[in-house]
N, C-alpha and C. Protein backbone atom coordinates (compact mmCIF):
# COMPACT_ATOMS: atom_id res chain seq x y z
N MET A 1 0.72 -1.09 -0.04
CA MET A 1 -0.11 -0.22 0.09
C MET A 1 0.82 1.56 -0.33
N ASN A 2 1.02 2.09 -1.14
CA ASN A 2 1.63 3.34 -0.64
C ASN A 2 1.05 4.40 -0.24
N SER A 3 1.91 5.55 0.21
CA SER A 3 1.30 6.73 0.83
C SER A 3 -0.20 6.97 0.92
N LEU A 4 0.09 7.09 -0.34
CA LEU A 4 -1.69 8.00 -1.15
C LEU A 4 -2.51 7.09 -0.38
N GLN A 5 -2.46 6.16 -0.75
CA GLN A 5 -3.58 4.96 -0.35
C GLN A 5 -3.47 5.02 1.19
N ILE A 6 -2.74 5.24 2.11
CA ILE A 6 -2.67 4.97 3.00
C ILE A 6 -3.24 6.31 3.70
N ILE A 7 -3.35 7.35 3.34
CA ILE A 7 -3.70 8.52 3.61
C ILE A 7 -5.25 8.85 3.50
N SER A 8 -5.80 8.22 2.14
CA SER A 8 -6.72 8.18 1.64
C SER A 8 -7.93 7.19 2.59
N LYS A 9 -7.36 6.49 3.49
CA LYS A 9 -7.94 5.84 4.28
C LYS A 9 -8.38 6.13 5.58
N ILE A 10 -7.19 7.40 5.81
CA ILE A 10 -7.59 7.68 7.28
C ILE A 10 -8.35 8.51 7.52
N SER A 11 -9.17 8.80 8.79
CA SER A 11 -9.85 9.72 9.66
C SER A 11 -9.47 10.81 9.35
N GLU A 12 -10.52 12.06 8.58
CA GLU A 12 -10.40 13.31 8.75
C GLU A 12 -9.73 14.25 10.22
N PRO A 13 -9.74 13.42 11.27
CA PRO A 13 -9.41 14.01 12.48
C PRO A 13 -7.60 13.49 12.43
N THR A 14 -7.41 12.61 11.44
CA THR A 14 -5.98 12.18 11.60
C THR A 14 -5.37 13.11 10.49
N PHE A 15 -6.17 13.07 9.65
CA PHE A 15 -5.44 13.64 8.43
C PHE A 15 -5.23 14.89 9.39
N THR A 16 -5.89 15.47 9.57
CA THR A 16 -5.82 17.36 10.12
C THR A 16 -4.84 17.37 11.03
N ALA A 17 -4.14 16.43 11.86
CA ALA A 17 -3.42 16.32 12.90
C ALA A 17 -1.90 15.93 11.98
N MET A 18 -2.28 15.17 10.77
CA MET A 18 -0.85 15.03 10.23
C MET A 18 -0.45 16.57 9.07
N ILE A 19 -1.41 17.22 8.89
CA ILE A 19 -1.05 18.35 8.13
C ILE A 19 -0.87 19.56 9.27
N THR A 20 -1.57 19.10 10.34
CA THR A 20 -1.15 20.28 11.70
C THR A 20 0.79 20.05 12.15
N ALA A 21 1.17 18.95 12.13
CA ALA A 21 2.45 18.41 12.61
C ALA A 21 3.56 19.21 10.91
N CYS A 22 2.75 19.39 10.21
CA CYS A 22 4.14 20.56 9.24
C CYS A 22 4.28 21.46 9.29
N SER A 23 4.93 21.92 9.34
CA SER A 23 5.19 23.78 9.36
C SER A 23 4.39 24.31 8.39
N ARG A 24 3.84 25.86 9.04
CA ARG A 24 2.96 26.35 8.08
C ARG A 24 3.50 26.70 6.30
N LYS A 25 5.13 26.86 6.86
CA LYS A 25 5.63 26.93 5.38
C LYS A 25 4.96 25.73 4.29
N VAL A 26 5.41 24.62 4.67
CA VAL A 26 5.22 23.26 3.96
C VAL A 26 3.58 23.22 3.70
N ARG A 27 2.57 23.49 4.80
CA ARG A 27 1.31 23.74 4.52
C ARG A 27 0.91 24.41 3.67
N ASP A 28 1.32 25.65 3.80
CA ASP A 28 0.92 26.96 2.75
C ASP A 28 1.16 26.87 1.11
N THR A 29 2.51 25.64 1.33
CA THR A 29 2.96 25.48 -0.09
C THR A 29 2.09 24.23 -0.75
N LEU A 30 1.49 23.26 0.04
CA LEU A 30 1.02 22.16 -0.16
C LEU A 30 -0.57 22.79 -0.65
N TYR A 31 -1.15 23.45 -0.12
CA TYR A 31 -2.29 24.18 -0.42
C TYR A 31 -2.35 25.23 -1.30
N ALA A 32 -1.27 25.85 -2.09
CA ALA A 32 -0.99 26.30 -3.23
C ALA A 32 -0.52 25.45 -4.58
N ARG A 33 0.11 24.50 -4.30
CA ARG A 33 0.21 23.77 -5.14
C ARG A 33 -0.88 22.88 -5.47
N MET A 34 -1.84 22.42 -4.64
CA MET A 34 -3.15 21.69 -4.86
C MET A 34 -4.21 22.76 -4.74
N GLY A 35 -4.34 23.81 -5.22
CA GLY A 35 -5.07 24.69 -5.47
C GLY A 35 -6.14 24.78 -4.68
N ILE A 36 -5.83 25.02 -3.22
CA ILE A 36 -7.16 24.68 -1.97
C ILE A 36 -6.78 26.60 -1.59
N LYS A 37 -7.54 27.24 -1.55
CA LYS A 37 -7.34 28.41 -1.30
C LYS A 37 -8.20 28.62 0.04
N ALA A 38 -8.12 29.34 1.37
CA ALA A 38 -8.55 29.49 2.44
C ALA A 38 -9.92 29.93 2.07
N ALA A 39 -10.74 29.47 2.69
CA ALA A 39 -12.85 30.13 2.31
C ALA A 39 -12.59 31.60 2.83
N GLY A 40 -12.57 31.69 2.45
CA GLY A 40 -13.29 33.28 2.97
C GLY A 40 -11.77 34.47 3.43
N ASN A 41 -12.41 35.74 4.03
CA ASN A 41 -11.60 36.63 4.40
C ASN A 41 -11.83 36.44 6.05
N SER A 42 -13.31 36.25 5.99
CA SER A 42 -14.08 36.85 6.63
C SER A 42 -13.49 37.19 8.59
N VAL A 43 -13.44 38.29 9.10
CA VAL A 43 -12.94 38.07 10.29
C VAL A 43 -13.32 37.22 11.61
N LEU A 44 -14.83 37.16 11.17
CA LEU A 44 -15.53 36.09 11.72
C LEU A 44 -15.08 34.70 11.99
N LEU A 45 -14.42 34.33 10.32
CA LEU A 45 -13.87 33.31 10.30
C LEU A 45 -12.50 32.62 11.53
N GLN A 46 -12.81 32.02 12.13
CA GLN A 46 -11.44 31.59 13.15
C GLN A 46 -10.26 30.61 12.82
N LEU A 47 -9.30 30.67 12.86
CA LEU A 47 -8.06 30.21 12.24
C LEU A 47 -8.64 28.81 12.41
N GLY A 48 -8.92 28.00 13.41
CA GLY A 48 -8.97 26.93 13.54
C GLY A 48 -9.63 25.91 12.43
N LYS A 49 -10.80 26.71 12.41
CA LYS A 49 -11.76 26.55 11.31
C LYS A 49 -11.45 26.41 9.74
N LYS A 50 -10.60 27.64 9.40
CA LYS A 50 -10.00 28.04 8.38
C LYS A 50 -8.66 26.67 8.52
N GLN A 51 -7.92 25.92 9.00
CA GLN A 51 -7.56 24.96 9.06
C GLN A 51 -7.63 23.96 9.00
N GLU A 52 -8.49 23.48 9.68
CA GLU A 52 -9.66 21.91 9.62
C GLU A 52 -10.31 22.45 7.93
N ASP A 53 -10.98 23.47 7.36
CA ASP A 53 -11.65 22.96 6.09
C ASP A 53 -10.17 22.81 5.13
N GLN A 54 -9.20 23.93 5.27
CA GLN A 54 -8.00 23.60 4.08
C GLN A 54 -7.69 22.18 4.14
N ALA A 55 -7.48 21.58 5.64
CA ALA A 55 -7.21 20.07 5.72
C ALA A 55 -7.75 19.19 5.26
N ARG A 56 -9.44 19.41 5.06
CA ARG A 56 -10.17 18.49 4.52
C ARG A 56 -10.74 18.81 3.44
N ARG A 57 -10.27 19.38 2.79
CA ARG A 57 -10.42 19.61 1.16
C ARG A 57 -9.31 18.85 0.60
N LEU A 58 -8.16 19.72 1.18
CA LEU A 58 -6.78 18.55 0.65
C LEU A 58 -6.89 17.32 0.78
N HIS A 59 -7.17 16.59 2.16
CA HIS A 59 -7.73 15.06 2.09
C HIS A 59 -8.54 14.84 1.03
N GLU A 60 -9.39 15.40 0.65
CA GLU A 60 -10.49 15.00 -0.07
C GLU A 60 -9.90 15.02 -1.64
N ARG A 61 -9.27 16.01 -1.82
CA ARG A 61 -7.58 15.91 -3.43
C ARG A 61 -7.42 14.81 -3.26
N PHE A 62 -6.58 14.33 -2.40
CA PHE A 62 -5.63 12.91 -2.29
C PHE A 62 -6.66 11.93 -2.23
N LYS A 63 -7.85 11.98 -1.93
CA LYS A 63 -8.66 11.11 -2.28
C LYS A 63 -9.03 10.31 -3.55
N LYS A 64 -8.97 11.38 -4.19
CA LYS A 64 -9.05 11.62 -5.66
C LYS A 64 -7.81 11.49 -6.55
N SER A 65 -6.48 11.58 -5.76
CA SER A 65 -5.55 11.52 -6.77
C SER A 65 -4.94 10.24 -6.74
N SER A 66 -4.23 10.11 -7.89
CA SER A 66 -3.03 8.83 -7.98
C SER A 66 -1.57 8.88 -8.87
N SER A 67 -1.38 10.35 -8.72
CA SER A 67 0.08 10.79 -9.28
C SER A 67 0.89 10.44 -8.49
N GLU A 68 2.36 10.10 -9.12
CA GLU A 68 3.28 9.67 -8.54
C GLU A 68 3.87 10.79 -7.84
N ALA A 69 3.97 12.15 -8.26
CA ALA A 69 3.95 13.45 -7.24
C ALA A 69 3.19 13.15 -6.25
N GLU A 70 2.08 12.97 -6.30
CA GLU A 70 1.16 13.25 -4.78
C GLU A 70 1.80 12.00 -3.94
N ILE A 71 1.73 10.69 -4.39
CA ILE A 71 2.59 9.85 -3.51
C ILE A 71 3.80 10.09 -2.73
N GLN A 72 4.49 11.02 -3.48
CA GLN A 72 5.95 11.27 -2.88
C GLN A 72 5.35 12.49 -1.57
N VAL A 73 4.15 13.56 -2.28
CA VAL A 73 4.02 14.28 -1.23
C VAL A 73 3.35 13.78 -0.05
N CYS A 74 2.58 12.63 -0.67
CA CYS A 74 1.36 11.76 1.36
C CYS A 74 2.66 11.17 2.09
N GLN A 75 3.92 10.32 1.10
CA GLN A 75 5.10 9.76 1.59
C GLN A 75 5.65 10.74 2.66
N GLU A 76 6.31 12.20 2.42
CA GLU A 76 6.55 13.36 3.36
C GLU A 76 5.72 13.68 4.28
N ILE A 77 4.41 13.71 4.37
CA ILE A 77 3.42 14.23 5.00
C ILE A 77 3.57 12.73 6.10
N ILE A 78 3.73 11.84 5.83
CA ILE A 78 3.17 11.29 6.71
C ILE A 78 4.91 10.89 7.63
N ARG A 79 5.85 10.70 6.87
CA ARG A 79 6.79 10.95 7.26
C ARG A 79 7.09 11.85 8.47
N ASN A 80 6.92 13.05 7.96
CA ASN A 80 6.71 14.22 8.88
C ASN A 80 6.28 13.79 10.18
N TRP A 81 4.88 13.73 10.02
CA TRP A 81 4.08 13.15 11.03
C TRP A 81 4.39 12.09 11.98
N LEU A 82 5.17 11.22 11.09
CA LEU A 82 5.13 9.88 12.25
C LEU A 82 6.44 10.26 13.36
N TYR A 83 7.63 11.54 12.71
CA TYR A 83 8.59 11.94 13.59
C TYR A 83 8.25 12.34 15.17
N THR A 84 6.81 13.29 14.89
CA THR A 84 6.02 13.46 15.99
C THR A 84 5.84 12.79 16.58
N GLN A 85 5.70 10.64 16.69
CA GLN A 85 4.58 10.18 17.13
C GLN A 85 6.13 8.93 17.48
N ARG A 86 7.45 10.08 17.91
CA ARG A 86 8.52 8.87 18.76
C ARG A 86 7.51 7.98 19.59
N PRO A 87 7.41 8.49 20.87
CA PRO A 87 6.87 7.46 21.54
C PRO A 87 6.34 5.69 21.02
N MET A 88 5.71 5.89 20.26
CA MET A 88 4.62 5.13 19.68
C MET A 88 5.53 4.46 18.79
N LEU A 89 7.14 5.32 18.03
CA LEU A 89 7.89 4.41 17.06
C LEU A 89 8.71 3.70 18.23
N GLN A 90 9.25 4.24 19.34
CA GLN A 90 9.96 3.24 20.27
C GLN A 90 9.05 2.03 20.74
N ALA A 91 8.03 2.23 21.25
CA ALA A 91 7.39 0.98 21.94
C ALA A 91 7.22 0.09 20.82
N THR A 92 7.28 0.40 19.56
CA THR A 92 6.89 -0.29 18.19
C THR A 92 8.47 -1.36 18.39
N LEU A 93 9.30 -0.86 18.30
CA LEU A 93 10.68 -0.90 18.11
C LEU A 93 11.24 -1.95 19.26
N ASP A 94 10.97 -1.54 20.38
CA ASP A 94 11.28 -2.41 21.40
C ASP A 94 10.56 -3.53 21.65
N TYR A 95 9.27 -3.45 21.06
CA TYR A 95 8.46 -4.88 21.35
C TYR A 95 9.22 -5.78 20.44
N LEU A 96 9.76 -5.28 19.44
CA LEU A 96 10.43 -6.21 18.39
C LEU A 96 12.04 -6.54 18.75
N GLN A 97 12.54 -5.66 20.21
CA GLN A 97 13.47 -5.75 20.17
C GLN A 97 14.74 -5.44 19.39
N VAL A 98 14.09 -3.93 18.61
CA VAL A 98 15.21 -3.73 17.65
C VAL A 98 15.92 -2.41 18.11
N PRO A 99 17.21 -2.54 18.49
CA PRO A 99 17.84 -0.84 18.69
C PRO A 99 17.26 -0.10 17.98
N ASN A 100 17.21 1.06 19.11
CA ASN A 100 16.96 2.38 18.58
C ASN A 100 17.12 3.65 19.68
N GLU A 101 16.85 4.33 18.98
CA GLU A 101 17.49 6.24 19.65
C GLU A 101 15.94 6.45 20.09
N GLN A 102 15.24 6.29 20.81
CA GLN A 102 13.77 7.52 20.70
C GLN A 102 12.88 7.11 19.90
N GLY A 103 13.04 5.71 19.23
CA GLY A 103 12.33 5.93 17.68
C GLY A 103 12.64 5.89 16.53
N LEU A 104 14.30 6.04 16.61
CA LEU A 104 14.81 6.24 15.40
C LEU A 104 15.57 5.25 15.09
N VAL A 105 16.25 4.46 14.00
CA VAL A 105 16.97 3.49 13.89
C VAL A 105 17.74 4.29 12.63
N GLU A 106 18.95 3.56 12.76
CA GLU A 106 20.21 4.35 11.46
C GLU A 106 19.74 3.37 10.09
N THR A 107 19.17 2.35 10.26
CA THR A 107 18.75 1.92 8.70
C THR A 107 17.28 1.84 8.34
N GLU A 108 17.45 1.11 6.96
CA GLU A 108 15.73 0.81 6.87
C GLU A 108 15.37 0.07 7.34
N PRO A 109 13.79 0.12 7.74
CA PRO A 109 13.00 -0.91 8.54
C PRO A 109 12.85 -2.13 7.80
N ASP A 110 13.71 -3.02 7.08
CA ASP A 110 13.32 -3.36 6.26
C ASP A 110 12.56 -4.76 6.94
N PHE A 111 12.81 -5.02 7.96
CA PHE A 111 12.72 -5.85 8.94
C PHE A 111 10.68 -6.44 9.42
N PHE A 112 10.44 -4.69 8.92
CA PHE A 112 9.20 -5.11 9.20
C PHE A 112 8.30 -6.20 8.23
N LYS A 113 8.47 -6.15 6.78
CA LYS A 113 8.40 -6.86 5.61
C LYS A 113 8.62 -8.25 6.27
N ASN A 114 8.91 -8.99 7.05
CA ASN A 114 9.29 -10.14 6.87
C ASN A 114 8.13 -10.58 8.22
N LEU A 115 7.34 -9.79 8.87
CA LEU A 115 6.44 -10.41 9.57
C LEU A 115 5.55 -11.23 9.33
N SER A 116 5.60 -12.49 10.11
CA SER A 116 4.04 -13.18 9.34
C SER A 116 2.91 -12.65 9.79
N LYS A 117 1.96 -12.88 9.19
CA LYS A 117 0.30 -12.51 9.38
C LYS A 117 0.46 -12.50 11.36
N GLU A 118 0.77 -13.58 11.73
CA GLU A 118 0.53 -13.72 13.54
C GLU A 118 1.51 -12.72 14.09
N GLU A 119 2.59 -12.71 13.78
CA GLU A 119 3.48 -11.58 14.32
C GLU A 119 2.77 -10.21 13.92
N ALA A 120 2.31 -9.90 12.77
CA ALA A 120 1.92 -8.42 12.56
C ALA A 120 0.78 -8.09 13.13
N ARG A 121 -0.01 -9.11 13.96
CA ARG A 121 -1.86 -9.41 14.55
C ARG A 121 -0.94 -8.85 15.79
N GLU A 122 -0.39 -9.54 16.46
CA GLU A 122 0.30 -9.64 18.17
C GLU A 122 0.97 -7.90 18.17
N LEU A 123 2.39 -7.77 16.99
CA LEU A 123 2.72 -6.38 17.36
C LEU A 123 1.49 -5.50 17.22
N TYR A 124 0.62 -5.10 16.28
CA TYR A 124 -0.07 -4.22 16.20
C TYR A 124 -0.93 -4.43 17.56
N ASP A 125 -1.72 -5.15 18.10
CA ASP A 125 -2.79 -5.35 19.38
C ASP A 125 -1.76 -4.66 20.45
N HIS A 126 -0.39 -4.80 20.21
CA HIS A 126 0.54 -4.96 21.47
C HIS A 126 0.21 -3.61 21.30
N VAL A 127 0.95 -2.59 20.19
CA VAL A 127 1.23 -1.20 20.39
C VAL A 127 -0.14 -0.71 20.47
N ALA A 128 -1.23 -1.07 19.59
CA ALA A 128 -2.51 -0.35 19.91
C ALA A 128 -3.32 -0.43 21.32
N SER A 129 -2.81 -1.09 21.97
CA SER A 129 -3.20 -1.16 23.49
C SER A 129 -2.76 0.09 23.74
N GLN A 130 -2.05 0.62 23.44
CA GLN A 130 -1.12 1.94 24.35
C GLN A 130 -0.99 3.30 23.85
N PHE A 131 -1.45 3.19 22.08
CA PHE A 131 -1.53 4.02 21.19
C PHE A 131 -2.79 4.07 20.33
N ASN A 132 -3.31 5.28 19.87
CA ASN A 132 -4.36 5.26 18.96
C ASN A 132 -4.15 3.86 17.74
N PRO A 133 -5.27 3.28 17.88
CA PRO A 133 -4.96 2.16 16.87
C PRO A 133 -4.95 2.61 15.30
N GLU A 134 -5.54 4.23 14.75
CA GLU A 134 -5.44 4.33 13.85
C GLU A 134 -3.90 4.82 13.36
N TYR A 135 -3.42 5.60 14.20
CA TYR A 135 -1.64 6.14 14.23
C TYR A 135 -0.86 4.62 14.04
N VAL A 136 -1.09 3.46 15.07
CA VAL A 136 -1.08 2.24 14.99
C VAL A 136 -0.73 1.79 13.77
N TRP A 137 -1.92 1.83 12.86
CA TRP A 137 -2.40 1.14 11.67
C TRP A 137 -1.33 2.31 10.61
N ILE A 138 -1.41 3.01 10.70
CA ILE A 138 -0.76 4.23 9.60
C ILE A 138 0.75 3.47 9.50
N TYR A 139 1.16 4.26 10.83
CA TYR A 139 3.13 3.49 11.06
C TYR A 139 2.95 2.44 10.04
N LEU A 140 2.68 1.07 10.86
CA LEU A 140 2.64 -0.15 10.36
C LEU A 140 2.33 -0.39 8.79
N SER A 141 1.30 0.50 8.31
CA SER A 141 1.31 0.27 6.84
C SER A 141 2.28 1.07 6.08
N PHE A 142 2.99 2.02 6.66
CA PHE A 142 3.91 2.82 6.16
C PHE A 142 5.09 2.07 6.23
N VAL A 143 5.32 1.22 7.15
CA VAL A 143 6.68 0.25 7.13
C VAL A 143 6.53 -1.03 6.26
N GLU A 144 5.48 -1.20 5.61
CA GLU A 144 4.86 -2.05 4.71
C GLU A 144 4.83 -3.64 6.08
N VAL A 145 4.63 -3.31 6.80
CA VAL A 145 4.09 -4.18 7.32
C VAL A 145 3.19 -5.38 6.84
N PRO A 146 3.30 -6.81 6.36
CA PRO A 146 2.03 -7.28 5.55
C PRO A 146 0.64 -7.72 6.56
N SER A 147 -0.52 -8.06 5.60
CA SER A 147 -1.50 -8.28 6.44
C SER A 147 -1.91 -7.47 7.28
N LEU A 148 -1.83 -6.23 6.67
CA LEU A 148 -2.65 -5.41 7.95
C LEU A 148 -4.04 -4.44 7.28
N ALA A 149 -4.68 -4.94 6.48
CA ALA A 149 -5.62 -4.64 5.76
C ALA A 149 -6.83 -4.24 6.94
N GLU A 150 -7.19 -5.80 7.56
CA GLU A 150 -8.06 -5.68 8.02
C GLU A 150 -7.94 -5.64 9.55
N PHE A 151 -6.83 -4.93 10.09
CA PHE A 151 -6.59 -4.44 11.16
C PHE A 151 -7.41 -2.78 11.38
N HIS A 152 -7.81 -2.17 10.09
CA HIS A 152 -7.92 -0.82 9.48
C HIS A 152 -9.52 -1.02 9.48
N SER A 153 -10.90 -0.45 9.98
CA SER A 153 -11.83 -0.17 9.60
C SER A 153 -11.91 1.27 9.05
């Protein structure tokens, strides 16, 4: 599953959290590139509502996309957001007994691809008992843990 497919399956609040984790410059560049303008300039329009609306429209746009460029953009959005989820990354790697520095590893996490369906399920259940299950699904999907489709509804 590529990063665009992952983004297409997640909830609006989670996508908004991902976009909010990006710097303002990155968000503004994304919105401009995707043709998403702020809804009105009303003084009554609250900043939070504006950001939520832009994030919602960007999410909808990604759901209808399939270009390689947008796959790469989604990959960077997820990677940036995962950096803010280091306790979850660390818990996952600790469970697998993979040496890490607060959830970060020096090498590519190819070992995830070799997990059996049963091992993947045990890992998901363990980490999802401590963290938002949707967040866990995103992380494990991003690192290409096999057999995850049934874990996320």
